[in-house]
Amino acid sequence: MYGCEAWTISKQIQNKLEATEMWFLRRMLRIPWTSKKTNERVLNEANKRRSLVRTIRKRQPPFWAT
């Protein structure tokens, strides 16, 4: 997250960040990638919502402040 204030987040980068977040969550819950669980089911098991992109966007200054 270091330097995320200056990141430009395109749709492609946002998708990669969300995939990485899900990978981290599956690793923490020890869910193998071969199991047929949807991302929504994994999020429900962890009682979590996706928050990585939202957190990055909170740390960035508004575009009119630059």
PDB file of N, CA and C in Angstrom:
ATOM      1  N   MET A   1       0.820  -1.187   0.000  1.00  0.00           N
ATOM      2  CA  MET A   1       0.000   0.000   0.000  1.00  0.00           C
ATOM      3  C   MET A   1       0.867   1.255   0.000  1.00  0.00           C
ATOM      4  N   TYR A   2       2.173   1.088   0.063  1.00  0.00           N
ATOM      5  CA  TYR A   2       3.058   2.232   0.077  1.00  0.00           C
ATOM      6  C   TYR A   2       2.952   2.979  -1.249  1.00  0.00           C
ATOM      7  N   GLY A   3       2.679   4.258  -1.175  1.00  0.00           N
ATOM      8  CA  GLY A   3       2.603   5.074  -2.372  1.00  0.00           C
ATOM      9  C   GLY A   3       1.295   4.967  -3.127  1.00  0.00           C
ATOM     10  N   CYS A   4       0.275   4.360  -2.539  1.00  0.00           N
ATOM     11  CA  CYS A   4      -0.987   4.161  -3.256  1.00  0.00           C
ATOM     12  C   CYS A   4      -1.692   5.481  -3.552  1.00  0.00           C
ATOM     13  N   GLU A   5      -1.257   6.556  -2.921  1.00  0.00           N
ATOM     14  CA  GLU A   5      -1.862   7.855  -3.187  1.00  0.00           C
ATOM     15  C   GLU A   5      -1.647   8.282  -4.628  1.00  0.00           C
ATOM     16  N   ALA A   6      -0.581   7.792  -5.261  1.00  0.00           N
ATOM     17  CA  ALA A   6      -0.240   8.203  -6.620  1.00  0.00           C
ATOM     18  C   ALA A   6      -0.617   7.161  -7.676  1.00  0.00           C
ATOM     19  N   TRP A   7      -1.225   6.053  -7.276  1.00  0.00           N
ATOM     20  CA  TRP A   7      -1.566   5.016  -8.240  1.00  0.00           C
ATOM     21  C   TRP A   7      -2.708   5.465  -9.131  1.00  0.00           C
ATOM     22  N   THR A   8      -2.634   5.063 -10.387  1.00  0.00           N
ATOM     23  CA  THR A   8      -3.748   5.218 -11.305  1.00  0.00           C
ATOM     24  C   THR A   8      -4.409   3.856 -11.413  1.00  0.00           C
ATOM     25  N   ILE A   9      -5.670   3.784 -11.041  1.00  0.00           N
ATOM     26  CA  ILE A   9      -6.341   2.489 -11.008  1.00  0.00           C
ATOM     27  C   ILE A   9      -7.305   2.400 -12.194  1.00  0.00           C
ATOM     28  N   SER A  10      -6.907   1.609 -13.183  1.00  0.00           N
ATOM     29  CA  SER A  10      -7.782   1.338 -14.317  1.00  0.00           C
ATOM     30  C   SER A  10      -8.653   0.127 -13.972  1.00  0.00           C
ATOM     31  N   LYS A  11      -9.575  -0.191 -14.842  1.00  0.00           N
ATOM     32  CA  LYS A  11     -10.457  -1.338 -14.604  1.00  0.00           C
ATOM     33  C   LYS A  11      -9.651  -2.636 -14.555  1.00  0.00           C
ATOM     34  N   GLN A  12      -8.638  -2.739 -15.416  1.00  0.00           N
ATOM     35  CA  GLN A  12      -7.800  -3.937 -15.449  1.00  0.00           C
ATOM     36  C   GLN A  12      -7.021  -4.090 -14.138  1.00  0.00           C
ATOM     37  N   ILE A  13      -6.458  -3.017 -13.641  1.00  0.00           N
ATOM     38  CA  ILE A  13      -5.716  -3.070 -12.385  1.00  0.00           C
ATOM     39  C   ILE A  13      -6.667  -3.363 -11.223  1.00  0.00           C
ATOM     40  N   GLN A  14      -7.863  -2.780 -11.260  1.00  0.00           N
ATOM     41  CA  GLN A  14      -8.845  -3.038 -10.213  1.00  0.00           C
ATOM     42  C   GLN A  14      -9.206  -4.527 -10.178  1.00  0.00           C
ATOM     43  N   ASN A  15      -9.390  -5.151 -11.338  1.00  0.00           N
ATOM     44  CA  ASN A  15      -9.703  -6.581 -11.388  1.00  0.00           C
ATOM     45  C   ASN A  15      -8.559  -7.412 -10.820  1.00  0.00           C
ATOM     46  N   LYS A  16      -7.317  -7.023 -11.117  1.00  0.00           N
ATOM     47  CA  LYS A  16      -6.166  -7.749 -10.581  1.00  0.00           C
ATOM     48  C   LYS A  16      -6.063  -7.593  -9.067  1.00  0.00           C
ATOM     49  N   LEU A  17      -6.348  -6.400  -8.560  1.00  0.00           N
ATOM     50  CA  LEU A  17      -6.324  -6.182  -7.113  1.00  0.00           C
ATOM     51  C   LEU A  17      -7.391  -7.014  -6.416  1.00  0.00           C
ATOM     52  N   GLU A  18      -8.586  -7.086  -7.006  1.00  0.00           N
ATOM     53  CA  GLU A  18      -9.660  -7.885  -6.408  1.00  0.00           C
ATOM     54  C   GLU A  18      -9.324  -9.375  -6.447  1.00  0.00           C
ATOM     55  N   ALA A  19      -8.700  -9.834  -7.530  1.00  0.00           N
ATOM     56  CA  ALA A  19      -8.289 -11.238  -7.613  1.00  0.00           C
ATOM     57  C   ALA A  19      -7.224 -11.550  -6.570  1.00  0.00           C
ATOM     58  N   THR A  20      -6.300 -10.624  -6.374  1.00  0.00           N
ATOM     59  CA  THR A  20      -5.257 -10.812  -5.369  1.00  0.00           C
ATOM     60  C   THR A  20      -5.853 -10.855  -3.971  1.00  0.00           C
ATOM     61  N   GLU A  21      -6.826  -9.979  -3.722  1.00  0.00           N
ATOM     62  CA  GLU A  21      -7.488  -9.973  -2.418  1.00  0.00           C
ATOM     63  C   GLU A  21      -8.172 -11.308  -2.151  1.00  0.00           C
ATOM     64  N   MET A  22      -8.828 -11.866  -3.171  1.00  0.00           N
ATOM     65  CA  MET A  22      -9.493 -13.159  -3.001  1.00  0.00           C
ATOM     66  C   MET A  22      -8.457 -14.265  -2.798  1.00  0.00           C
ATOM     67  N   TRP A  23      -7.319 -14.174  -3.482  1.00  0.00           N
ATOM     68  CA  TRP A  23      -6.276 -15.176  -3.306  1.00  0.00           C
ATOM     69  C   TRP A  23      -5.767 -15.162  -1.868  1.00  0.00           C
ATOM     70  N   PHE A  24      -5.542 -13.949  -1.318  1.00  0.00           N
ATOM     71  CA  PHE A  24      -5.104 -13.827   0.072  1.00  0.00           C
ATOM     72  C   PHE A  24      -6.131 -14.443   1.017  1.00  0.00           C
ATOM     73  N   LEU A  25      -7.393 -14.153   0.784  1.00  0.00           N
ATOM     74  CA  LEU A  25      -8.455 -14.638   1.658  1.00  0.00           C
ATOM     75  C   LEU A  25      -8.548 -16.160   1.608  1.00  0.00           C
ATOM     76  N   ARG A  26      -8.454 -16.729   0.414  1.00  0.00           N
ATOM     77  CA  ARG A  26      -8.499 -18.187   0.294  1.00  0.00           C
ATOM     78  C   ARG A  26      -7.302 -18.838   0.998  1.00  0.00           C
ATOM     79  N   ARG A  27      -6.134 -18.188   0.907  1.00  0.00           N
ATOM     80  CA  ARG A  27      -4.957 -18.728   1.592  1.00  0.00           C
ATOM     81  C   ARG A  27      -5.138 -18.686   3.108  1.00  0.00           C
ATOM     82  N   MET A  28      -5.677 -17.589   3.615  1.00  0.00           N
ATOM     83  CA  MET A  28      -5.880 -17.473   5.064  1.00  0.00           C
ATOM     84  C   MET A  28      -6.886 -18.503   5.565  1.00  0.00           C
ATOM     85  N   LEU A  29      -7.910 -18.801   4.758  1.00  0.00           N
ATOM     86  CA  LEU A  29      -8.923 -19.774   5.154  1.00  0.00           C
ATOM     87  C   LEU A  29      -8.539 -21.201   4.788  1.00  0.00           C
ATOM     88  N   ARG A  30      -7.381 -21.363   4.137  1.00  0.00           N
ATOM     89  CA  ARG A  30      -6.881 -22.667   3.698  1.00  0.00           C
ATOM     90  C   ARG A  30      -7.869 -23.384   2.778  1.00  0.00           C
ATOM     91  N   ILE A  31      -8.390 -22.633   1.832  1.00  0.00           N
ATOM     92  CA  ILE A  31      -9.286 -23.186   0.827  1.00  0.00           C
ATOM     93  C   ILE A  31      -8.450 -23.435  -0.424  1.00  0.00           C
ATOM     94  N   PRO A  32      -8.333 -24.687  -0.865  1.00  0.00           N
ATOM     95  CA  PRO A  32      -7.510 -24.954  -2.045  1.00  0.00           C
ATOM     96  C   PRO A  32      -8.136 -24.352  -3.301  1.00  0.00           C
ATOM     97  N   TRP A  33      -7.283 -23.993  -4.246  1.00  0.00           N
ATOM     98  CA  TRP A  33      -7.786 -23.366  -5.461  1.00  0.00           C
ATOM     99  C   TRP A  33      -8.570 -24.354  -6.316  1.00  0.00           C
ATOM    100  N   THR A  34      -8.420 -25.664  -6.042  1.00  0.00           N
ATOM    101  CA  THR A  34      -9.145 -26.679  -6.801  1.00  0.00           C
ATOM    102  C   THR A  34     -10.562 -26.880  -6.297  1.00  0.00           C
ATOM    103  N   SER A  35     -10.888 -26.350  -5.112  1.00  0.00           N
ATOM    104  CA  SER A  35     -12.253 -26.503  -4.606  1.00  0.00           C
ATOM    105  C   SER A  35     -13.190 -25.609  -5.399  1.00  0.00           C
ATOM    106  N   LYS A  36     -14.389 -26.075  -5.604  1.00  0.00           N
ATOM    107  CA  LYS A  36     -15.362 -25.368  -6.440  1.00  0.00           C
ATOM    108  C   LYS A  36     -16.203 -24.424  -5.584  1.00  0.00           C
ATOM    109  N   LYS A  37     -15.560 -23.421  -5.011  1.00  0.00           N
ATOM    110  CA  LYS A  37     -16.277 -22.445  -4.192  1.00  0.00           C
ATOM    111  C   LYS A  37     -16.256 -21.100  -4.899  1.00  0.00           C
ATOM    112  N   THR A  38     -17.386 -20.448  -4.940  1.00  0.00           N
ATOM    113  CA  THR A  38     -17.453 -19.138  -5.570  1.00  0.00           C
ATOM    114  C   THR A  38     -16.834 -18.096  -4.648  1.00  0.00           C
ATOM    115  N   ASN A  39     -16.492 -16.956  -5.223  1.00  0.00           N
ATOM    116  CA  ASN A  39     -15.931 -15.872  -4.419  1.00  0.00           C
ATOM    117  C   ASN A  39     -16.938 -15.399  -3.375  1.00  0.00           C
ATOM    118  N   GLU A  40     -18.211 -15.358  -3.737  1.00  0.00           N
ATOM    119  CA  GLU A  40     -19.234 -14.925  -2.784  1.00  0.00           C
ATOM    120  C   GLU A  40     -19.311 -15.875  -1.594  1.00  0.00           C
ATOM    121  N   ARG A  41     -19.192 -17.165  -1.857  1.00  0.00           N
ATOM    122  CA  ARG A  41     -19.240 -18.149  -0.771  1.00  0.00           C
ATOM    123  C   ARG A  41     -18.028 -18.006   0.151  1.00  0.00           C
ATOM    124  N   VAL A  42     -16.865 -17.762  -0.433  1.00  0.00           N
ATOM    125  CA  VAL A  42     -15.653 -17.565   0.367  1.00  0.00           C
ATOM    126  C   VAL A  42     -15.798 -16.307   1.223  1.00  0.00           C
ATOM    127  N   LEU A  43     -16.317 -15.235   0.634  1.00  0.00           N
ATOM    128  CA  LEU A  43     -16.520 -13.998   1.393  1.00  0.00           C
ATOM    129  C   LEU A  43     -17.517 -14.208   2.529  1.00  0.00           C
ATOM    130  N   ASN A  44     -18.569 -14.996   2.291  1.00  0.00           N
ATOM    131  CA  ASN A  44     -19.533 -15.287   3.351  1.00  0.00           C
ATOM    132  C   ASN A  44     -18.912 -16.104   4.473  1.00  0.00           C
ATOM    133  N   GLU A  45     -18.078 -17.066   4.123  1.00  0.00           N
ATOM    134  CA  GLU A  45     -17.404 -17.878   5.144  1.00  0.00           C
ATOM    135  C   GLU A  45     -16.510 -17.020   6.029  1.00  0.00           C
ATOM    136  N   ALA A  46     -15.883 -16.019   5.432  1.00  0.00           N
ATOM    137  CA  ALA A  46     -14.959 -15.167   6.177  1.00  0.00           C
ATOM    138  C   ALA A  46     -15.670 -13.989   6.836  1.00  0.00           C
ATOM    139  N   ASN A  47     -16.961 -13.834   6.573  1.00  0.00           N
ATOM    140  CA  ASN A  47     -17.727 -12.681   7.072  1.00  0.00           C
ATOM    141  C   ASN A  47     -17.044 -11.377   6.677  1.00  0.00           C
ATOM    142  N   LYS A  48     -16.653 -11.288   5.417  1.00  0.00           N
ATOM    143  CA  LYS A  48     -15.928 -10.127   4.898  1.00  0.00           C
ATOM    144  C   LYS A  48     -16.624  -9.591   3.663  1.00  0.00           C
ATOM    145  N   ARG A  49     -16.238  -8.358   3.321  1.00  0.00           N
ATOM    146  CA  ARG A  49     -16.602  -7.755   2.044  1.00  0.00           C
ATOM    147  C   ARG A  49     -15.309  -7.358   1.368  1.00  0.00           C
ATOM    148  N   ARG A  50     -15.344  -7.217   0.064  1.00  0.00           N
ATOM    149  CA  ARG A  50     -14.142  -6.762  -0.637  1.00  0.00           C
ATOM    150  C   ARG A  50     -13.855  -5.340  -0.213  1.00  0.00           C
ATOM    151  N   SER A  51     -12.608  -5.089   0.153  1.00  0.00           N
ATOM    152  CA  SER A  51     -12.304  -3.769   0.694  1.00  0.00           C
ATOM    153  C   SER A  51     -10.976  -3.195   0.228  1.00  0.00           C
ATOM    154  N   LEU A  52     -10.160  -3.945  -0.475  1.00  0.00           N
ATOM    155  CA  LEU A  52      -8.833  -3.470  -0.839  1.00  0.00           C
ATOM    156  C   LEU A  52      -8.897  -2.249  -1.754  1.00  0.00           C
ATOM    157  N   VAL A  53      -9.676  -2.312  -2.819  1.00  0.00           N
ATOM    158  CA  VAL A  53      -9.764  -1.191  -3.760  1.00  0.00           C
ATOM    159  C   VAL A  53     -10.402   0.006  -3.073  1.00  0.00           C
ATOM    160  N   ARG A  54     -11.405  -0.237  -2.247  1.00  0.00           N
ATOM    161  CA  ARG A  54     -12.076   0.845  -1.515  1.00  0.00           C
ATOM    162  C   ARG A  54     -11.099   1.545  -0.571  1.00  0.00           C
ATOM    163  N   THR A  55     -10.236   0.770   0.087  1.00  0.00           N
ATOM    164  CA  THR A  55      -9.236   1.340   0.990  1.00  0.00           C
ATOM    165  C   THR A  55      -8.225   2.186   0.224  1.00  0.00           C
ATOM    166  N   ILE A  56      -7.804   1.699  -0.926  1.00  0.00           N
ATOM    167  CA  ILE A  56      -6.852   2.459  -1.740  1.00  0.00           C
ATOM    168  C   ILE A  56      -7.478   3.774  -2.182  1.00  0.00           C
ATOM    169  N   ARG A  57      -8.721   3.720  -2.624  1.00  0.00           N
ATOM    170  CA  ARG A  57      -9.384   4.931  -3.097  1.00  0.00           C
ATOM    171  C   ARG A  57      -9.586   5.947  -1.956  1.00  0.00           C
ATOM    172  N   LYS A  58      -9.783   5.491  -0.730  1.00  0.00           N
ATOM    173  CA  LYS A  58      -9.911   6.402   0.410  1.00  0.00           C
ATOM    174  C   LYS A  58      -8.604   7.147   0.677  1.00  0.00           C
ATOM    175  N   ARG A  59      -7.489   6.479   0.432  1.00  0.00           N
ATOM    176  CA  ARG A  59      -6.188   7.090   0.690  1.00  0.00           C
ATOM    177  C   ARG A  59      -5.768   8.077  -0.385  1.00  0.00           C
ATOM    178  N   GLN A  60      -6.412   8.005  -1.540  1.00  0.00           N
ATOM    179  CA  GLN A  60      -6.048   8.907  -2.628  1.00  0.00           C
ATOM    180  C   GLN A  60      -6.757  10.245  -2.457  1.00  0.00           C
ATOM    181  N   PRO A  61      -6.064  11.324  -2.787  1.00  0.00           N
ATOM    182  CA  PRO A  61      -6.720  12.637  -2.718  1.00  0.00           C
ATOM    183  C   PRO A  61      -7.752  12.759  -3.832  1.00  0.00           C
ATOM    184  N   PRO A  62      -8.753  13.605  -3.648  1.00  0.00           N
ATOM    185  CA  PRO A  62      -9.716  13.808  -4.725  1.00  0.00           C
ATOM    186  C   PRO A  62      -9.015  14.348  -5.970  1.00  0.00           C
ATOM    187  N   PHE A  63      -9.542  14.022  -7.146  1.00  0.00           N
ATOM    188  CA  PHE A  63      -8.868  14.408  -8.384  1.00  0.00           C
ATOM    189  C   PHE A  63      -8.802  15.910  -8.567  1.00  0.00           C
ATOM    190  N   TRP A  64      -9.725  16.668  -7.966  1.00  0.00           N
ATOM    191  CA  TRP A  64      -9.699  18.120  -8.120  1.00  0.00           C
ATOM    192  C   TRP A  64      -8.678  18.787  -7.194  1.00  0.00           C
ATOM    193  N   ALA A  65      -8.117  18.033  -6.256  1.00  0.00           N
ATOM    194  CA  ALA A  65      -7.147  18.600  -5.314  1.00  0.00           C
ATOM    195  C   ALA A  65      -5.722  18.536  -5.861  1.00  0.00           C
ATOM    196  N   THR A  66      -5.544  17.952  -7.024  1.00  0.00           N
ATOM    197  CA  THR A  66      -4.175  17.828  -7.569  1.00  0.00           C
ATOM    198  C   THR A  66      -3.815  19.002  -8.437  1.00  0.00           C
TER     199      THR A  66
END
